Amino acid sequence: MDIRPFLPLALLAAMPHLAFAADPSPRDAAGERCEAAVTETVKHMRGDDARQVQFNRAKQVVAPPVDEETDVKGEGSYRGGTGGPRPFSYSCAYNIKAGTTSGVVFRDLGPARTDSPETAWQPDLSTLSPEACESAVAAVLKGKYPRVGRIAFGSDSRRLRPAPNGRSGMTGQGSVERAPGMSLIAFDYQCEFESRTGKVVAARTTP
């Protein structure tokens, strides 16, 4: 009996099972997503010093989920074009239902480098809110221009930097319509956060 016409149907019937088998477990998904988020954070914070980022899977710990969220902790290392690898530890929260990460924190391990004043600075990214900074900057602009129209912020211009007195800072750029009908002008801004709480304690704009 010729069974060739039925082969495509058999393959189609098997495909859902094959796709299901290929899906990562929640634990694996949490580890992979957090490693991707940490990689992005490390490269953003360390620039050319973190051209390569690697993780030690043996050190990775995925906590049991609570309310569809799990915590991931682990260790890895990064390196630039020259010099040896720099080890770091990290933590990250992963929402199993949404498949999203939050609260990414990484810390360098071992002695701090002395080639830059920023190397000893380790911001707690889980407490810093760019939106809180931009709200404070908007309040400053409204004080400068009582008839202010539109205010726009360039999210791609945000940069985290160390600030005086052990605080964390964020700088960026935007544009403002000083009054309805006026042309937009560009401005630079800077915020300072209380390191422990993430509260915005200062906001400035130029011009």
N, C-alpha and C. Protein backbone atom coordinates (compact mmCIF):
# COMPACT_ATOMS: atom_id res chain seq x y z
N MET A 1 0.86 -1.20 0.00
CA MET A 1 0.00 0.00 0.00
C MET A 1 0.89 1.24 0.00
N ASP A 2 0.55 2.20 -0.80
CA ASP A 2 1.32 3.43 -0.90
C ASP A 2 0.91 4.37 0.22
N ILE A 3 1.83 4.68 1.13
CA ILE A 3 1.50 5.55 2.28
C ILE A 3 2.09 6.95 2.12
N ARG A 4 2.67 7.24 0.97
CA ARG A 4 3.32 8.54 0.78
C ARG A 4 2.40 9.73 1.00
N PRO A 5 1.11 9.69 0.57
CA PRO A 5 0.25 10.86 0.80
C PRO A 5 0.03 11.17 2.26
N PHE A 6 0.27 10.17 3.14
CA PHE A 6 -0.01 10.40 4.55
C PHE A 6 1.22 10.91 5.31
N LEU A 7 2.39 10.88 4.69
CA LEU A 7 3.60 11.31 5.38
C LEU A 7 3.56 12.78 5.81
N PRO A 8 3.12 13.71 4.96
CA PRO A 8 3.05 15.11 5.42
C PRO A 8 2.16 15.28 6.63
N LEU A 9 1.03 14.53 6.67
CA LEU A 9 0.14 14.63 7.82
C LEU A 9 0.82 14.13 9.08
N ALA A 10 1.59 13.06 8.93
CA ALA A 10 2.29 12.53 10.09
C ALA A 10 3.33 13.51 10.61
N LEU A 11 4.02 14.18 9.69
CA LEU A 11 5.01 15.16 10.10
C LEU A 11 4.36 16.35 10.78
N LEU A 12 3.23 16.81 10.24
CA LEU A 12 2.52 17.92 10.86
C LEU A 12 2.05 17.56 12.26
N ALA A 13 1.59 16.33 12.43
CA ALA A 13 1.12 15.91 13.75
C ALA A 13 2.26 15.88 14.75
N ALA A 14 3.46 15.60 14.29
CA ALA A 14 4.60 15.51 15.20
C ALA A 14 5.21 16.86 15.51
N MET A 15 4.97 17.88 14.68
CA MET A 15 5.63 19.17 14.85
C MET A 15 5.35 19.83 16.19
N PRO A 16 4.09 19.85 16.70
CA PRO A 16 3.87 20.47 18.01
C PRO A 16 4.71 19.85 19.10
N HIS A 17 4.90 18.51 19.04
CA HIS A 17 5.70 17.85 20.06
C HIS A 17 7.17 18.23 19.92
N LEU A 18 7.64 18.37 18.68
CA LEU A 18 9.02 18.78 18.47
C LEU A 18 9.24 20.19 18.97
N ALA A 19 8.30 21.10 18.69
CA ALA A 19 8.43 22.48 19.13
C ALA A 19 8.42 22.56 20.64
N PHE A 20 7.54 21.73 21.28
CA PHE A 20 7.45 21.75 22.73
C PHE A 20 8.76 21.30 23.36
N ALA A 21 9.37 20.26 22.73
CA ALA A 21 10.62 19.75 23.28
C ALA A 21 11.73 20.76 23.17
N ALA A 22 11.65 21.67 22.19
CA ALA A 22 12.71 22.65 21.98
C ALA A 22 12.58 23.84 22.92
N ASP A 23 11.41 24.04 23.54
CA ASP A 23 11.22 25.18 24.43
C ASP A 23 12.08 25.01 25.67
N PRO A 24 12.80 26.06 26.10
CA PRO A 24 13.61 25.95 27.32
C PRO A 24 12.73 25.89 28.56
N SER A 25 13.23 25.25 29.59
CA SER A 25 12.50 25.21 30.85
C SER A 25 12.50 26.60 31.47
N PRO A 26 11.58 26.89 32.40
CA PRO A 26 11.58 28.21 33.06
C PRO A 26 12.92 28.53 33.70
N ARG A 27 13.56 27.52 34.29
CA ARG A 27 14.87 27.74 34.91
C ARG A 27 15.90 28.17 33.87
N ASP A 28 15.95 27.42 32.74
CA ASP A 28 16.91 27.76 31.69
C ASP A 28 16.61 29.12 31.08
N ALA A 29 15.32 29.42 30.89
CA ALA A 29 14.93 30.71 30.32
C ALA A 29 15.34 31.84 31.24
N ALA A 30 15.16 31.65 32.55
CA ALA A 30 15.55 32.68 33.51
C ALA A 30 17.04 32.95 33.43
N GLY A 31 17.85 31.87 33.39
CA GLY A 31 19.29 32.04 33.31
C GLY A 31 19.73 32.73 32.03
N GLU A 32 19.14 32.32 30.90
CA GLU A 32 19.53 32.90 29.61
C GLU A 32 19.14 34.36 29.51
N ARG A 33 17.90 34.69 29.92
CA ARG A 33 17.44 36.07 29.82
C ARG A 33 18.25 36.99 30.74
N CYS A 34 18.54 36.51 31.94
CA CYS A 34 19.31 37.34 32.86
C CYS A 34 20.74 37.53 32.37
N GLU A 35 21.34 36.50 31.80
CA GLU A 35 22.69 36.65 31.25
C GLU A 35 22.70 37.67 30.12
N ALA A 36 21.66 37.65 29.28
CA ALA A 36 21.58 38.63 28.19
C ALA A 36 21.44 40.04 28.74
N ALA A 37 20.61 40.22 29.79
CA ALA A 37 20.42 41.54 30.38
C ALA A 37 21.69 42.02 31.08
N VAL A 38 22.38 41.11 31.76
CA VAL A 38 23.63 41.48 32.43
C VAL A 38 24.70 41.84 31.41
N THR A 39 24.78 41.08 30.31
CA THR A 39 25.75 41.39 29.26
C THR A 39 25.54 42.80 28.73
N GLU A 40 24.29 43.15 28.46
CA GLU A 40 23.98 44.49 27.96
C GLU A 40 24.38 45.55 28.97
N THR A 41 24.11 45.30 30.26
CA THR A 41 24.44 46.26 31.31
C THR A 41 25.95 46.43 31.45
N VAL A 42 26.69 45.31 31.47
CA VAL A 42 28.14 45.37 31.63
C VAL A 42 28.77 46.13 30.47
N LYS A 43 28.34 45.84 29.25
CA LYS A 43 28.92 46.52 28.09
C LYS A 43 28.58 48.01 28.10
N HIS A 44 27.37 48.35 28.57
CA HIS A 44 26.99 49.76 28.64
C HIS A 44 27.82 50.49 29.68
N MET A 45 28.06 49.85 30.84
CA MET A 45 28.76 50.51 31.93
C MET A 45 30.28 50.52 31.73
N ARG A 46 30.83 49.50 31.10
CA ARG A 46 32.28 49.40 30.99
C ARG A 46 32.82 49.71 29.60
N GLY A 47 31.96 49.86 28.61
CA GLY A 47 32.39 50.28 27.28
C GLY A 47 33.40 49.33 26.67
N ASP A 48 34.53 49.89 26.18
CA ASP A 48 35.55 49.09 25.50
C ASP A 48 36.24 48.10 26.43
N ASP A 49 36.13 48.30 27.75
CA ASP A 49 36.72 47.35 28.69
C ASP A 49 35.94 46.05 28.76
N ALA A 50 34.76 46.01 28.14
CA ALA A 50 33.92 44.81 28.21
C ALA A 50 33.49 44.36 26.82
N ARG A 51 34.47 44.21 25.95
CA ARG A 51 34.15 43.73 24.60
C ARG A 51 33.70 42.27 24.62
N GLN A 52 34.23 41.51 25.57
CA GLN A 52 33.86 40.11 25.71
C GLN A 52 33.31 39.87 27.11
N VAL A 53 32.14 39.26 27.20
CA VAL A 53 31.52 38.94 28.49
C VAL A 53 31.23 37.45 28.52
N GLN A 54 31.68 36.78 29.57
CA GLN A 54 31.46 35.34 29.72
C GLN A 54 30.86 35.05 31.09
N PHE A 55 30.15 33.92 31.20
CA PHE A 55 29.51 33.55 32.45
C PHE A 55 29.96 32.16 32.89
N ASN A 56 30.03 31.99 34.21
CA ASN A 56 30.37 30.70 34.81
C ASN A 56 29.08 30.00 35.20
N ARG A 57 28.62 29.09 34.34
CA ARG A 57 27.33 28.42 34.59
C ARG A 57 27.34 27.64 35.90
N ALA A 58 28.51 27.16 36.32
CA ALA A 58 28.58 26.39 37.56
C ALA A 58 28.25 27.24 38.77
N LYS A 59 28.40 28.57 38.64
CA LYS A 59 28.13 29.48 39.75
C LYS A 59 26.71 30.04 39.72
N GLN A 60 25.95 29.71 38.68
CA GLN A 60 24.61 30.28 38.54
C GLN A 60 23.62 29.61 39.49
N VAL A 61 22.84 30.43 40.18
CA VAL A 61 21.82 29.94 41.11
C VAL A 61 20.48 30.57 40.74
N VAL A 62 19.49 29.74 40.44
CA VAL A 62 18.14 30.21 40.12
C VAL A 62 17.23 29.84 41.29
N ALA A 63 16.69 30.84 41.97
CA ALA A 63 15.86 30.60 43.14
C ALA A 63 14.48 30.07 42.73
N PRO A 64 13.81 29.33 43.61
CA PRO A 64 12.44 28.89 43.33
C PRO A 64 11.53 30.09 43.09
N PRO A 65 10.63 30.01 42.12
CA PRO A 65 9.78 31.16 41.81
C PRO A 65 8.80 31.49 42.93
N VAL A 66 8.55 32.79 43.10
CA VAL A 66 7.55 33.29 44.04
C VAL A 66 6.68 34.30 43.30
N ASP A 67 5.38 34.02 43.22
CA ASP A 67 4.46 34.90 42.48
C ASP A 67 4.94 35.12 41.05
N GLU A 68 5.34 34.04 40.38
CA GLU A 68 5.75 34.05 38.97
C GLU A 68 7.05 34.82 38.73
N GLU A 69 7.81 35.09 39.79
CA GLU A 69 9.09 35.78 39.63
C GLU A 69 10.18 35.00 40.35
N THR A 70 11.34 34.93 39.72
CA THR A 70 12.47 34.21 40.31
C THR A 70 13.71 35.08 40.26
N ASP A 71 14.61 34.86 41.21
CA ASP A 71 15.87 35.60 41.26
C ASP A 71 17.00 34.73 40.72
N VAL A 72 17.89 35.35 39.97
CA VAL A 72 19.04 34.65 39.41
C VAL A 72 20.31 35.34 39.89
N LYS A 73 21.25 34.56 40.39
CA LYS A 73 22.54 35.09 40.82
C LYS A 73 23.65 34.25 40.19
N GLY A 74 24.80 34.89 39.98
CA GLY A 74 25.89 34.15 39.39
C GLY A 74 27.15 34.99 39.28
N GLU A 75 28.11 34.45 38.55
CA GLU A 75 29.38 35.13 38.35
C GLU A 75 29.80 35.02 36.89
N GLY A 76 30.65 35.94 36.49
CA GLY A 76 31.17 35.93 35.13
C GLY A 76 32.43 36.76 35.06
N SER A 77 32.85 37.08 33.86
CA SER A 77 34.03 37.91 33.67
C SER A 77 33.91 38.66 32.36
N TYR A 78 34.61 39.79 32.29
CA TYR A 78 34.63 40.56 31.05
C TYR A 78 36.06 41.01 30.78
N ARG A 79 36.34 41.31 29.54
CA ARG A 79 37.67 41.79 29.19
C ARG A 79 37.59 42.66 27.95
N GLY A 80 38.57 43.55 27.80
CA GLY A 80 38.63 44.42 26.64
C GLY A 80 39.69 43.93 25.67
N GLY A 81 40.25 44.87 24.91
CA GLY A 81 41.24 44.48 23.92
C GLY A 81 42.56 44.07 24.53
N THR A 82 42.90 44.61 25.72
CA THR A 82 44.15 44.28 26.38
C THR A 82 43.87 43.95 27.84
N GLY A 83 44.83 43.30 28.48
CA GLY A 83 44.67 42.97 29.89
C GLY A 83 43.91 41.68 30.09
N GLY A 84 43.93 41.21 31.34
CA GLY A 84 43.26 39.97 31.66
C GLY A 84 41.78 40.18 31.94
N PRO A 85 41.06 39.08 32.15
CA PRO A 85 39.63 39.17 32.43
C PRO A 85 39.37 39.77 33.81
N ARG A 86 38.27 40.48 33.94
CA ARG A 86 37.86 41.07 35.21
C ARG A 86 36.62 40.32 35.71
N PRO A 87 36.71 39.60 36.84
CA PRO A 87 35.55 38.85 37.32
C PRO A 87 34.50 39.76 37.93
N PHE A 88 33.26 39.33 37.88
CA PHE A 88 32.17 40.09 38.50
C PHE A 88 31.09 39.13 38.98
N SER A 89 30.27 39.62 39.89
CA SER A 89 29.07 38.89 40.33
C SER A 89 27.86 39.67 39.85
N TYR A 90 26.72 38.99 39.76
CA TYR A 90 25.51 39.66 39.28
C TYR A 90 24.28 39.07 39.92
N SER A 91 23.21 39.83 39.88
CA SER A 91 21.89 39.35 40.29
C SER A 91 20.86 39.96 39.37
N CYS A 92 19.72 39.29 39.24
CA CYS A 92 18.71 39.70 38.27
C CYS A 92 17.39 39.05 38.66
N ALA A 93 16.28 39.75 38.43
CA ALA A 93 14.95 39.19 38.64
C ALA A 93 14.33 38.85 37.29
N TYR A 94 13.64 37.72 37.21
CA TYR A 94 13.02 37.27 35.96
C TYR A 94 11.56 36.94 36.21
N ASN A 95 10.67 37.54 35.41
CA ASN A 95 9.24 37.26 35.48
C ASN A 95 8.92 36.13 34.51
N ILE A 96 8.52 35.00 35.05
CA ILE A 96 8.29 33.81 34.23
C ILE A 96 7.15 34.02 33.25
N LYS A 97 6.06 34.64 33.70
CA LYS A 97 4.89 34.81 32.84
C LYS A 97 5.17 35.80 31.71
N ALA A 98 5.79 36.93 32.04
CA ALA A 98 6.04 37.96 31.03
C ALA A 98 7.31 37.70 30.23
N GLY A 99 8.23 36.90 30.77
CA GLY A 99 9.49 36.65 30.09
C GLY A 99 10.41 37.85 30.09
N THR A 100 10.32 38.71 31.12
CA THR A 100 11.11 39.93 31.18
C THR A 100 12.01 39.93 32.41
N THR A 101 13.08 40.74 32.34
CA THR A 101 14.02 40.86 33.45
C THR A 101 13.92 42.25 34.07
N SER A 102 14.39 42.36 35.31
CA SER A 102 14.42 43.64 36.01
C SER A 102 15.45 43.55 37.13
N GLY A 103 15.79 44.72 37.70
CA GLY A 103 16.68 44.75 38.85
C GLY A 103 18.06 44.17 38.60
N VAL A 104 18.64 44.47 37.44
CA VAL A 104 19.97 43.94 37.12
C VAL A 104 21.04 44.69 37.91
N VAL A 105 21.87 43.95 38.62
CA VAL A 105 22.98 44.53 39.39
C VAL A 105 24.23 43.69 39.14
N PHE A 106 25.35 44.36 38.86
CA PHE A 106 26.61 43.63 38.76
C PHE A 106 27.68 44.37 39.54
N ARG A 107 28.62 43.61 40.11
CA ARG A 107 29.69 44.19 40.91
C ARG A 107 31.02 43.54 40.53
N ASP A 108 32.04 44.37 40.34
CA ASP A 108 33.37 43.84 40.07
C ASP A 108 33.89 43.11 41.30
N LEU A 109 34.59 42.01 41.09
CA LEU A 109 35.22 41.26 42.16
C LEU A 109 36.72 41.48 42.11
N GLY A 110 37.38 41.39 43.26
CA GLY A 110 38.82 41.59 43.28
C GLY A 110 39.17 43.06 43.44
N PRO A 111 40.45 43.39 43.41
CA PRO A 111 40.90 44.77 43.61
C PRO A 111 40.42 45.68 42.50
N ALA A 112 40.07 46.92 42.85
CA ALA A 112 39.60 47.89 41.87
C ALA A 112 40.76 48.37 41.01
N ARG A 113 40.49 48.63 39.75
CA ARG A 113 41.51 49.18 38.86
C ARG A 113 41.73 50.65 39.19
N THR A 114 42.91 51.16 38.87
CA THR A 114 43.24 52.54 39.19
C THR A 114 43.36 53.41 37.95
N ASP A 115 42.98 52.86 36.77
CA ASP A 115 43.14 53.62 35.54
C ASP A 115 42.02 54.61 35.32
N SER A 116 40.96 54.55 36.12
CA SER A 116 39.83 55.45 35.93
C SER A 116 39.13 55.68 37.25
N PRO A 117 38.69 56.92 37.55
CA PRO A 117 37.97 57.17 38.80
C PRO A 117 36.62 56.48 38.85
N GLU A 118 36.14 55.97 37.69
CA GLU A 118 34.82 55.34 37.67
C GLU A 118 34.86 53.86 38.02
N THR A 119 36.07 53.26 38.10
CA THR A 119 36.13 51.82 38.25
C THR A 119 35.66 51.35 39.61
N ALA A 120 35.83 52.18 40.66
CA ALA A 120 35.40 51.78 42.00
C ALA A 120 33.93 52.07 42.22
N TRP A 121 33.30 52.72 41.27
CA TRP A 121 31.89 53.12 41.41
C TRP A 121 30.99 51.99 40.95
N GLN A 122 30.11 51.53 41.84
CA GLN A 122 29.22 50.43 41.51
C GLN A 122 27.78 50.85 41.81
N PRO A 123 27.04 51.38 40.85
CA PRO A 123 25.67 51.82 41.11
C PRO A 123 24.73 50.64 41.28
N ASP A 124 23.74 50.80 42.14
CA ASP A 124 22.69 49.80 42.30
C ASP A 124 21.61 50.12 41.27
N LEU A 125 21.65 49.41 40.15
CA LEU A 125 20.75 49.73 39.05
C LEU A 125 19.29 49.44 39.38
N SER A 126 19.05 48.66 40.43
CA SER A 126 17.66 48.36 40.77
C SER A 126 16.95 49.54 41.42
N THR A 127 17.72 50.55 41.90
CA THR A 127 17.09 51.69 42.57
C THR A 127 17.07 52.95 41.71
N LEU A 128 17.80 52.96 40.60
CA LEU A 128 17.89 54.17 39.78
C LEU A 128 16.78 54.19 38.74
N SER A 129 16.04 55.30 38.69
CA SER A 129 14.92 55.43 37.76
C SER A 129 15.17 56.59 36.80
N PRO A 130 15.43 56.31 35.52
CA PRO A 130 15.57 57.39 34.54
C PRO A 130 14.32 58.26 34.47
N GLU A 131 13.14 57.64 34.64
CA GLU A 131 11.89 58.40 34.58
C GLU A 131 11.81 59.41 35.71
N ALA A 132 12.30 59.04 36.91
CA ALA A 132 12.29 59.98 38.03
C ALA A 132 13.20 61.16 37.75
N CYS A 133 14.35 60.89 37.14
CA CYS A 133 15.27 61.96 36.76
C CYS A 133 14.61 62.90 35.75
N GLU A 134 13.99 62.33 34.74
CA GLU A 134 13.37 63.16 33.70
C GLU A 134 12.20 63.96 34.23
N SER A 135 11.47 63.42 35.20
CA SER A 135 10.38 64.18 35.82
C SER A 135 10.93 65.37 36.58
N ALA A 136 12.06 65.17 37.28
CA ALA A 136 12.68 66.27 38.01
C ALA A 136 13.21 67.33 37.05
N VAL A 137 13.78 66.89 35.93
CA VAL A 137 14.28 67.84 34.93
C VAL A 137 13.12 68.62 34.32
N ALA A 138 12.01 67.95 34.06
CA ALA A 138 10.83 68.63 33.51
C ALA A 138 10.35 69.72 34.46
N ALA A 139 10.40 69.45 35.78
CA ALA A 139 10.00 70.45 36.76
C ALA A 139 10.94 71.66 36.72
N VAL A 140 12.24 71.40 36.53
CA VAL A 140 13.20 72.51 36.42
C VAL A 140 12.89 73.36 35.19
N LEU A 141 12.61 72.71 34.07
CA LEU A 141 12.31 73.45 32.84
C LEU A 141 11.03 74.26 32.97
N LYS A 142 10.03 73.71 33.66
CA LYS A 142 8.79 74.46 33.86
C LYS A 142 9.02 75.68 34.74
N GLY A 143 9.99 75.58 35.65
CA GLY A 143 10.34 76.75 36.45
C GLY A 143 11.05 77.80 35.63
N LYS A 144 11.88 77.37 34.67
CA LYS A 144 12.59 78.32 33.80
C LYS A 144 11.65 78.96 32.79
N TYR A 145 10.75 78.14 32.25
CA TYR A 145 9.85 78.60 31.19
C TYR A 145 8.40 78.34 31.61
N PRO A 146 7.78 79.29 32.30
CA PRO A 146 6.42 79.08 32.83
C PRO A 146 5.40 78.72 31.75
N ARG A 147 5.63 79.14 30.50
CA ARG A 147 4.69 78.85 29.43
C ARG A 147 5.16 77.67 28.57
N VAL A 148 5.96 76.81 29.15
CA VAL A 148 6.57 75.72 28.40
C VAL A 148 5.52 74.89 27.67
N GLY A 149 5.88 74.49 26.44
CA GLY A 149 4.99 73.63 25.66
C GLY A 149 5.42 72.19 25.79
N ARG A 150 6.09 71.69 24.77
CA ARG A 150 6.51 70.29 24.77
C ARG A 150 7.91 70.12 25.34
N ILE A 151 8.12 68.98 25.99
CA ILE A 151 9.44 68.58 26.49
C ILE A 151 9.69 67.15 26.02
N ALA A 152 10.81 66.94 25.36
CA ALA A 152 11.14 65.60 24.85
C ALA A 152 12.53 65.20 25.34
N PHE A 153 12.66 63.93 25.71
CA PHE A 153 13.94 63.41 26.17
C PHE A 153 14.44 62.34 25.20
N GLY A 154 15.73 62.34 24.94
CA GLY A 154 16.33 61.32 24.08
C GLY A 154 16.82 60.16 24.93
N SER A 155 16.08 59.06 24.96
CA SER A 155 16.45 57.94 25.82
C SER A 155 17.81 57.35 25.45
N ASP A 156 18.21 57.46 24.18
CA ASP A 156 19.49 56.90 23.77
C ASP A 156 20.67 57.74 24.24
N SER A 157 20.40 58.94 24.80
CA SER A 157 21.49 59.80 25.28
C SER A 157 21.76 59.61 26.77
N ARG A 158 20.98 58.79 27.45
CA ARG A 158 21.16 58.60 28.89
C ARG A 158 22.51 57.96 29.20
N ARG A 159 23.20 58.51 30.20
CA ARG A 159 24.48 57.94 30.64
C ARG A 159 24.53 57.99 32.17
N LEU A 160 24.91 56.88 32.79
CA LEU A 160 25.11 56.83 34.23
C LEU A 160 26.56 57.13 34.55
N ARG A 161 26.79 57.98 35.55
CA ARG A 161 28.14 58.38 35.92
C ARG A 161 28.22 58.56 37.43
N PRO A 162 29.43 58.48 38.01
CA PRO A 162 29.56 58.77 39.43
C PRO A 162 29.34 60.26 39.68
N ALA A 163 28.79 60.59 40.84
CA ALA A 163 28.54 61.98 41.22
C ALA A 163 29.22 62.24 42.56
N PRO A 164 29.36 63.52 42.96
CA PRO A 164 30.02 63.83 44.23
C PRO A 164 29.31 63.21 45.43
N ASN A 165 30.05 63.08 46.52
CA ASN A 165 29.52 62.59 47.80
C ASN A 165 28.99 61.16 47.72
N GLY A 166 29.60 60.35 46.86
CA GLY A 166 29.20 58.96 46.76
C GLY A 166 27.87 58.72 46.08
N ARG A 167 27.34 59.73 45.43
CA ARG A 167 26.06 59.58 44.75
C ARG A 167 26.24 59.03 43.33
N SER A 168 25.12 58.65 42.73
CA SER A 168 25.11 58.24 41.33
C SER A 168 24.49 59.36 40.50
N GLY A 169 24.95 59.51 39.28
CA GLY A 169 24.44 60.58 38.42
C GLY A 169 23.98 60.05 37.08
N MET A 170 23.09 60.79 36.45
CA MET A 170 22.65 60.47 35.09
C MET A 170 22.66 61.74 34.27
N THR A 171 23.21 61.67 33.08
CA THR A 171 23.21 62.80 32.15
C THR A 171 22.46 62.41 30.90
N GLY A 172 22.02 63.42 30.16
CA GLY A 172 21.30 63.14 28.93
C GLY A 172 20.99 64.42 28.18
N GLN A 173 20.25 64.28 27.11
CA GLN A 173 19.89 65.42 26.27
C GLN A 173 18.40 65.36 25.94
N GLY A 174 17.87 66.52 25.59
CA GLY A 174 16.47 66.59 25.21
C GLY A 174 16.20 67.87 24.44
N SER A 175 14.94 68.15 24.22
CA SER A 175 14.54 69.39 23.54
C SER A 175 13.29 69.92 24.21
N VAL A 176 13.14 71.25 24.17
CA VAL A 176 12.02 71.88 24.86
C VAL A 176 11.42 72.99 24.00
N GLU A 177 10.12 73.09 24.03
CA GLU A 177 9.39 74.19 23.40
C GLU A 177 9.09 75.20 24.51
N ARG A 178 9.83 76.31 24.56
CA ARG A 178 9.76 77.22 25.70
C ARG A 178 8.39 77.86 25.87
N ALA A 179 7.64 77.97 24.80
CA ALA A 179 6.27 78.47 24.84
C ALA A 179 5.57 77.93 23.60
N PRO A 180 4.25 77.78 23.63
CA PRO A 180 3.54 77.25 22.47
C PRO A 180 3.85 78.05 21.21
N GLY A 181 4.22 77.36 20.14
CA GLY A 181 4.52 78.01 18.87
C GLY A 181 5.98 78.32 18.65
N MET A 182 6.80 78.28 19.71
CA MET A 182 8.22 78.56 19.56
C MET A 182 8.96 77.32 19.04
N SER A 183 10.10 77.55 18.44
CA SER A 183 10.91 76.44 17.94
C SER A 183 11.52 75.67 19.11
N LEU A 184 11.71 74.38 18.91
CA LEU A 184 12.35 73.56 19.93
C LEU A 184 13.83 73.90 20.03
N ILE A 185 14.34 73.93 21.24
CA ILE A 185 15.78 74.12 21.45
C ILE A 185 16.31 72.92 22.23
N ALA A 186 17.57 72.59 22.00
CA ALA A 186 18.18 71.45 22.67
C ALA A 186 18.69 71.86 24.05
N PHE A 187 18.74 70.90 24.96
CA PHE A 187 19.31 71.15 26.28
C PHE A 187 19.99 69.88 26.78
N ASP A 188 20.96 70.08 27.66
CA ASP A 188 21.61 68.98 28.38
C ASP A 188 21.08 68.96 29.81
N TYR A 189 21.04 67.80 30.41
CA TYR A 189 20.57 67.74 31.80
C TYR A 189 21.43 66.78 32.61
N GLN A 190 21.34 66.95 33.91
CA GLN A 190 22.09 66.10 34.83
C GLN A 190 21.28 65.91 36.10
N CYS A 191 21.23 64.68 36.60
CA CYS A 191 20.56 64.36 37.86
C CYS A 191 21.54 63.68 38.80
N GLU A 192 21.28 63.82 40.09
CA GLU A 192 22.03 63.09 41.10
C GLU A 192 21.06 62.27 41.94
N PHE A 193 21.41 60.99 42.18
CA PHE A 193 20.57 60.09 42.96
C PHE A 193 21.24 59.77 44.29
N GLU A 194 20.45 59.68 45.34
CA GLU A 194 20.94 59.13 46.60
C GLU A 194 21.23 57.65 46.36
N SER A 195 22.46 57.23 46.65
CA SER A 195 22.88 55.88 46.27
C SER A 195 22.05 54.79 46.93
N ARG A 196 21.68 54.97 48.18
CA ARG A 196 20.99 53.90 48.91
C ARG A 196 19.54 53.78 48.50
N THR A 197 18.86 54.92 48.32
CA THR A 197 17.42 54.89 48.05
C THR A 197 17.06 55.12 46.59
N GLY A 198 17.97 55.72 45.82
CA GLY A 198 17.66 56.05 44.43
C GLY A 198 16.86 57.33 44.29
N LYS A 199 16.67 58.07 45.38
CA LYS A 199 15.91 59.32 45.32
C LYS A 199 16.68 60.39 44.56
N VAL A 200 15.99 61.14 43.70
CA VAL A 200 16.63 62.24 42.97
C VAL A 200 16.81 63.42 43.92
N VAL A 201 18.06 63.82 44.15
CA VAL A 201 18.34 64.90 45.10
C VAL A 201 18.77 66.18 44.40
N ALA A 202 19.04 66.13 43.10
CA ALA A 202 19.43 67.33 42.36
C ALA A 202 19.15 67.11 40.88
N ALA A 203 18.74 68.20 40.22
CA ALA A 203 18.50 68.17 38.77
C ALA A 203 18.87 69.52 38.19
N ARG A 204 19.63 69.50 37.10
CA ARG A 204 20.08 70.74 36.46
C ARG A 204 19.94 70.61 34.95
N THR A 205 19.78 71.75 34.29
CA THR A 205 19.72 71.78 32.83
C THR A 205 20.64 72.86 32.28
N THR A 206 21.13 72.66 31.07
CA THR A 206 21.95 73.64 30.35
C THR A 206 21.53 73.65 28.90
N PRO A 207 21.15 74.78 28.30
CA PRO A 207 21.10 76.10 28.96
C PRO A 207 19.88 76.21 29.84
